[in-house]
Amino acid sequence: MKRTENKKQGIEGMDELLQAVEMVKRGDDSYFHVIYEKTRGMALAVIRKYNRDQADHEDILQETYLKAYTHMG
């Protein structure tokens, strides 16, 4: 895939993420899965970088999204 195509897809993905955040802020919780799917991989990478205990990763991830959801409302 060409570099410009990757950039375009990244922008489109960011637009979708921002729209999902806005919808959740407006009270439509059904969009939270979009936020989760778009950010889960990066969030796990950060968690793994700072916490080596693999048993904690999913718990930390869950707490992170719970806090994010709580602060959007």
C-alpha atoms as a PDB file:
ATOM      1  CA  MET A   1       0.000   0.000   0.000  1.00  0.00           C
ATOM      2  CA  LYS A   2       1.288   3.454  -0.846  1.00  0.00           C
ATOM      3  CA  ARG A   3       2.223   5.914   1.859  1.00  0.00           C
ATOM      4  CA  THR A   4      -0.553   8.348   0.873  1.00  0.00           C
ATOM      5  CA  GLU A   5      -3.113   5.540   1.067  1.00  0.00           C
ATOM      6  CA  ASN A   6      -1.930   4.649   4.577  1.00  0.00           C
ATOM      7  CA  LYS A   7      -2.164   8.292   5.621  1.00  0.00           C
ATOM      8  CA  LYS A   8      -5.678   8.588   4.180  1.00  0.00           C
ATOM      9  CA  GLN A   9      -6.814   5.465   6.033  1.00  0.00           C
ATOM     10  CA  GLY A  10      -5.271   6.826   9.226  1.00  0.00           C
ATOM     11  CA  ILE A  11      -7.185  10.076   8.863  1.00  0.00           C
ATOM     12  CA  GLU A  12     -10.424   8.254   8.125  1.00  0.00           C
ATOM     13  CA  GLY A  13      -9.845   6.030  11.147  1.00  0.00           C
ATOM     14  CA  MET A  14      -9.194   9.081  13.321  1.00  0.00           C
ATOM     15  CA  ASP A  15     -12.382  10.719  12.046  1.00  0.00           C
ATOM     16  CA  GLU A  16     -14.344   7.608  12.965  1.00  0.00           C
ATOM     17  CA  LEU A  17     -12.749   7.548  16.421  1.00  0.00           C
ATOM     18  CA  LEU A  18     -13.504  11.235  17.052  1.00  0.00           C
ATOM     19  CA  GLN A  19     -17.093  10.766  15.908  1.00  0.00           C
ATOM     20  CA  ALA A  20     -17.476   7.786  18.235  1.00  0.00           C
ATOM     21  CA  VAL A  21     -16.138   9.810  21.177  1.00  0.00           C
ATOM     22  CA  GLU A  22     -18.586  12.600  20.395  1.00  0.00           C
ATOM     23  CA  MET A  23     -21.503  10.159  20.205  1.00  0.00           C
ATOM     24  CA  VAL A  24     -20.598   8.599  23.561  1.00  0.00           C
ATOM     25  CA  LYS A  25     -20.353  12.076  25.089  1.00  0.00           C
ATOM     26  CA  ARG A  26     -23.869  12.742  23.786  1.00  0.00           C
ATOM     27  CA  GLY A  27     -25.118   9.637  25.563  1.00  0.00           C
ATOM     28  CA  ASP A  28     -25.068   7.008  22.801  1.00  0.00           C
ATOM     29  CA  ASP A  29     -23.121   4.220  24.514  1.00  0.00           C
ATOM     30  CA  SER A  30     -23.390   1.941  21.491  1.00  0.00           C
ATOM     31  CA  TYR A  31     -20.375   3.732  19.956  1.00  0.00           C
ATOM     32  CA  PHE A  32     -17.996   2.833  22.776  1.00  0.00           C
ATOM     33  CA  HIS A  33     -17.076  -0.419  21.015  1.00  0.00           C
ATOM     34  CA  VAL A  34     -15.630   1.659  18.141  1.00  0.00           C
ATOM     35  CA  ILE A  35     -13.382   3.479  20.603  1.00  0.00           C
ATOM     36  CA  TYR A  36     -12.334   0.175  22.136  1.00  0.00           C
ATOM     37  CA  GLU A  37     -11.589  -1.511  18.806  1.00  0.00           C
ATOM     38  CA  LYS A  38      -9.642   1.465  17.434  1.00  0.00           C
ATOM     39  CA  THR A  39      -7.475   1.950  20.538  1.00  0.00           C
ATOM     40  CA  ARG A  40      -7.119  -1.472  22.199  1.00  0.00           C
ATOM     41  CA  GLY A  41      -3.912  -2.460  20.415  1.00  0.00           C
ATOM     42  CA  MET A  42      -2.098   0.746  21.226  1.00  0.00           C
ATOM     43  CA  ALA A  43      -3.365   0.739  24.815  1.00  0.00           C
ATOM     44  CA  LEU A  44      -2.102  -2.806  25.339  1.00  0.00           C
ATOM     45  CA  ALA A  45       1.279  -1.879  23.875  1.00  0.00           C
ATOM     46  CA  VAL A  46       1.639   0.956  26.371  1.00  0.00           C
ATOM     47  CA  ILE A  47       0.507  -1.264  29.245  1.00  0.00           C
ATOM     48  CA  ARG A  48       3.028  -3.948  28.248  1.00  0.00           C
ATOM     49  CA  LYS A  49       5.807  -1.374  28.092  1.00  0.00           C
ATOM     50  CA  TYR A  50       5.251  -0.188  31.655  1.00  0.00           C
ATOM     51  CA  ASN A  51       3.997  -3.369  33.303  1.00  0.00           C
ATOM     52  CA  ARG A  52       5.823  -6.638  32.671  1.00  0.00           C
ATOM     53  CA  ASP A  53       3.332  -8.791  34.612  1.00  0.00           C
ATOM     54  CA  GLN A  54       1.173 -10.244  31.842  1.00  0.00           C
ATOM     55  CA  ALA A  55      -1.461 -11.341  34.353  1.00  0.00           C
ATOM     56  CA  ASP A  56      -2.227  -7.662  35.045  1.00  0.00           C
ATOM     57  CA  HIS A  57      -2.569  -6.478  31.455  1.00  0.00           C
ATOM     58  CA  GLU A  58      -6.270  -7.214  30.926  1.00  0.00           C
ATOM     59  CA  ASP A  59      -7.185  -5.808  34.362  1.00  0.00           C
ATOM     60  CA  ILE A  60      -5.309  -2.588  33.643  1.00  0.00           C
ATOM     61  CA  LEU A  61      -6.904  -2.385  30.204  1.00  0.00           C
ATOM     62  CA  GLN A  62     -10.373  -2.818  31.692  1.00  0.00           C
ATOM     63  CA  GLU A  63      -9.735  -0.149  34.325  1.00  0.00           C
ATOM     64  CA  THR A  64      -8.436   2.197  31.633  1.00  0.00           C
ATOM     65  CA  TYR A  65     -11.565   1.900  29.503  1.00  0.00           C
ATOM     66  CA  LEU A  66     -13.831   2.158  32.523  1.00  0.00           C
ATOM     67  CA  LYS A  67     -12.159   5.452  33.476  1.00  0.00           C
ATOM     68  CA  ALA A  68     -12.330   6.703  29.897  1.00  0.00           C
ATOM     69  CA  TYR A  69     -16.035   5.858  29.700  1.00  0.00           C
ATOM     70  CA  THR A  70     -16.748   7.478  33.048  1.00  0.00           C
ATOM     71  CA  HIS A  71     -15.015  10.706  32.024  1.00  0.00           C
ATOM     72  CA  MET A  72     -16.827  10.912  28.698  1.00  0.00           C
ATOM     73  CA  GLY A  73     -20.234  11.037  30.341  1.00  0.00           C
END
